[in-house]
């Protein structure tokens, strides 16, 4: 009977950790798919890729699709980072990541689709928003009391 304990411990270990590993694998695969779909849509000359379920025919639709692809890329990256990071990220930092990747996708949108009035205005508003988030995040980080 003493020889069976090793099997009980082994199967208990597998039973206890298997669901969490499967959940992490699912999250990683979906996050990698988000990241891949966003990057392909952002950097390809034609915005109508296999990952985009709509047909973007006008310049405004193409700008919107590339900006949304930046959002999807940021979500994929942040989800993968969440799986393997032990540090707590603040909400402001998460929003800054999303905004900066969306602005990065705007650059490709300007290269491939040209400029429109509303796309330049939204890019400027996004840039101002990102700078404001960064400044507030920086001042809050300087005000945190670590002597708890």
Protein backbone atom coordinates (compact mmCIF):
# COMPACT_ATOMS: atom_id res chain seq x y z
CA UNK A 1 0.00 0.00 0.00
CA UNK A 2 2.92 2.37 0.62
CA UNK A 3 3.92 2.11 -3.04
CA UNK A 4 0.55 3.50 -4.16
CA UNK A 5 1.01 6.85 -2.44
CA UNK A 6 3.34 8.09 -5.13
CA UNK A 7 0.60 7.49 -7.71
CA UNK A 8 -1.98 9.29 -5.56
CA UNK A 9 0.33 12.29 -5.13
CA UNK A 10 1.18 12.31 -8.86
CA UNK A 11 -2.45 12.20 -10.02
CA UNK A 12 -3.46 14.76 -7.39
CA UNK A 13 -0.80 17.11 -8.71
CA UNK A 14 -2.01 16.67 -12.30
CA UNK A 15 -5.64 17.15 -11.28
CA UNK A 16 -4.89 20.30 -9.28
CA UNK A 17 -2.80 22.09 -11.93
CA UNK A 18 -4.20 20.84 -15.21
CA UNK A 19 -7.23 23.18 -15.48
CA UNK A 20 -5.11 26.25 -14.77
CA UNK A 21 -2.53 25.26 -17.37
CA UNK A 22 -5.27 24.67 -19.95
CA UNK A 23 -6.81 28.07 -19.17
CA UNK A 24 -3.41 29.77 -19.54
CA UNK A 25 -2.81 28.00 -22.86
CA UNK A 26 -6.23 29.13 -24.14
CA UNK A 27 -5.59 32.74 -23.07
CA UNK A 28 -2.13 32.68 -24.64
CA UNK A 29 -3.42 31.28 -27.95
CA UNK A 30 -6.24 33.81 -28.19
CA UNK A 31 -3.90 36.65 -27.19
CA UNK A 32 -1.36 35.57 -29.83
CA UNK A 33 -4.16 35.48 -32.41
CA UNK A 34 -5.27 38.99 -31.38
CA UNK A 35 -1.69 40.24 -31.62
CA UNK A 36 -1.12 38.61 -35.01
CA UNK A 37 -4.43 39.84 -36.43
CA UNK A 38 -3.78 43.38 -35.24
CA UNK A 39 -0.23 43.55 -36.55
CA UNK A 40 -1.16 42.08 -39.94
CA UNK A 41 -4.05 44.52 -40.32
CA UNK A 42 -1.91 47.46 -39.18
CA UNK A 43 1.14 46.95 -41.39
CA UNK A 44 -0.36 45.44 -44.54
CA UNK A 45 -0.99 47.83 -47.44
CA UNK A 46 -4.52 46.50 -47.93
CA UNK A 47 -6.62 46.81 -44.80
CA UNK A 48 -8.99 44.05 -45.97
CA UNK A 49 -7.14 41.03 -44.59
CA UNK A 50 -8.38 37.60 -43.58
CA UNK A 51 -8.69 38.83 -39.99
CA UNK A 52 -11.04 41.73 -40.72
CA UNK A 53 -14.68 40.68 -41.14
CA UNK A 54 -15.68 43.88 -42.96
CA UNK A 55 -14.81 45.47 -46.27
CA UNK A 56 -13.20 48.87 -45.73
CA UNK A 57 -13.78 50.69 -49.00
CA UNK A 58 -13.35 54.34 -48.09
CA UNK A 59 -10.37 56.10 -46.58
CA UNK A 60 -12.28 56.84 -43.36
CA UNK A 61 -13.16 53.17 -42.94
CA UNK A 62 -9.53 52.19 -43.52
CA UNK A 63 -8.36 54.67 -40.87
CA UNK A 64 -10.90 53.30 -38.43
CA UNK A 65 -9.94 49.69 -39.20
CA UNK A 66 -6.21 50.34 -38.65
CA UNK A 67 -6.87 52.19 -35.40
CA UNK A 68 -9.05 49.34 -34.20
CA UNK A 69 -6.30 46.91 -35.23
CA UNK A 70 -3.95 48.87 -32.96
CA UNK A 71 -6.40 48.36 -30.11
CA UNK A 72 -6.58 44.61 -30.80
CA UNK A 73 -2.76 44.41 -30.95
CA UNK A 74 -2.44 46.16 -27.59
CA UNK A 75 -5.04 43.88 -25.99
CA UNK A 76 -3.20 40.81 -27.29
CA UNK A 77 0.14 42.07 -25.99
CA UNK A 78 -1.24 43.08 -22.60
CA UNK A 79 -3.00 39.73 -22.18
CA UNK A 80 0.22 37.84 -22.85
CA UNK A 81 2.08 40.15 -20.49
CA UNK A 82 -0.58 39.57 -17.83
CA UNK A 83 -0.03 35.81 -18.01
CA UNK A 84 3.71 35.95 -17.38
CA UNK A 85 4.11 39.04 -15.21
CA UNK A 86 3.97 39.05 -11.46
CA UNK A 87 3.90 42.83 -11.09
CA UNK A 88 0.69 44.77 -10.77
CA UNK A 89 0.10 47.24 -13.58
CA UNK A 90 -1.85 50.39 -12.95
CA UNK A 91 -4.87 51.27 -15.03
CA UNK A 92 -3.18 54.38 -16.40
CA UNK A 93 -0.27 52.31 -17.67
CA UNK A 94 -2.62 49.91 -19.43
CA UNK A 95 -4.49 52.75 -21.10
CA UNK A 96 -1.18 54.33 -22.16
CA UNK A 97 -0.10 51.08 -23.83
CA UNK A 98 -3.37 50.89 -25.72
CA UNK A 99 -3.25 54.53 -26.83
CA UNK A 100 0.40 54.36 -27.93
CA UNK A 101 -0.18 51.23 -30.02
CA UNK A 102 -3.28 52.82 -31.56
CA UNK A 103 -1.20 55.90 -32.42
CA UNK A 104 1.44 53.63 -33.93
CA UNK A 105 -1.24 52.10 -36.13
CA UNK A 106 -2.31 55.62 -37.12
CA UNK A 107 1.17 56.12 -38.59
CA UNK A 108 0.64 53.15 -40.91
CA UNK A 109 -2.80 54.47 -41.72
CA UNK A 110 -1.31 57.80 -42.75
CA UNK A 111 1.32 56.02 -44.88
CA UNK A 112 -1.07 53.68 -46.68
CA UNK A 113 -4.32 55.65 -46.75
CA UNK A 114 -3.22 59.27 -46.69
CA UNK A 115 -4.48 62.09 -44.53
CA UNK A 116 -8.00 63.23 -43.87
CA UNK A 117 -9.07 66.06 -41.63
CA UNK A 118 -10.72 63.85 -39.04
CA UNK A 119 -7.83 61.36 -38.98
CA UNK A 120 -5.31 64.11 -38.23
CA UNK A 121 -7.57 65.56 -35.53
CA UNK A 122 -8.08 62.16 -33.87
CA UNK A 123 -4.35 61.44 -34.03
CA UNK A 124 -3.58 64.79 -32.37
CA UNK A 125 -6.24 64.22 -29.70
CA UNK A 126 -4.85 60.74 -29.06
CA UNK A 127 -1.33 62.11 -28.79
CA UNK A 128 -2.42 64.83 -26.35
CA UNK A 129 -4.37 62.24 -24.36
CA UNK A 130 -1.33 59.94 -24.18
CA UNK A 131 0.94 62.78 -23.04
CA UNK A 132 -1.56 63.81 -20.35
CA UNK A 133 -1.84 60.21 -19.14
CA UNK A 134 1.94 59.95 -18.99
CA UNK A 135 2.28 63.18 -17.00
CA UNK A 136 -0.39 62.19 -14.49
CA UNK A 137 1.12 58.71 -14.16
CA UNK A 138 4.55 60.26 -13.53
CA UNK A 139 3.26 62.65 -10.85
CA UNK A 140 1.35 59.86 -9.10
CA UNK A 141 4.39 57.63 -9.10
CA UNK A 142 6.37 60.43 -7.41
CA UNK A 143 3.65 60.87 -4.76
CA UNK A 144 3.34 57.23 -3.68
CA UNK A 145 4.52 56.70 -0.13
CA UNK A 146 6.52 53.48 0.10
CA UNK A 147 6.81 53.66 3.93
CA UNK A 148 3.70 51.67 4.68
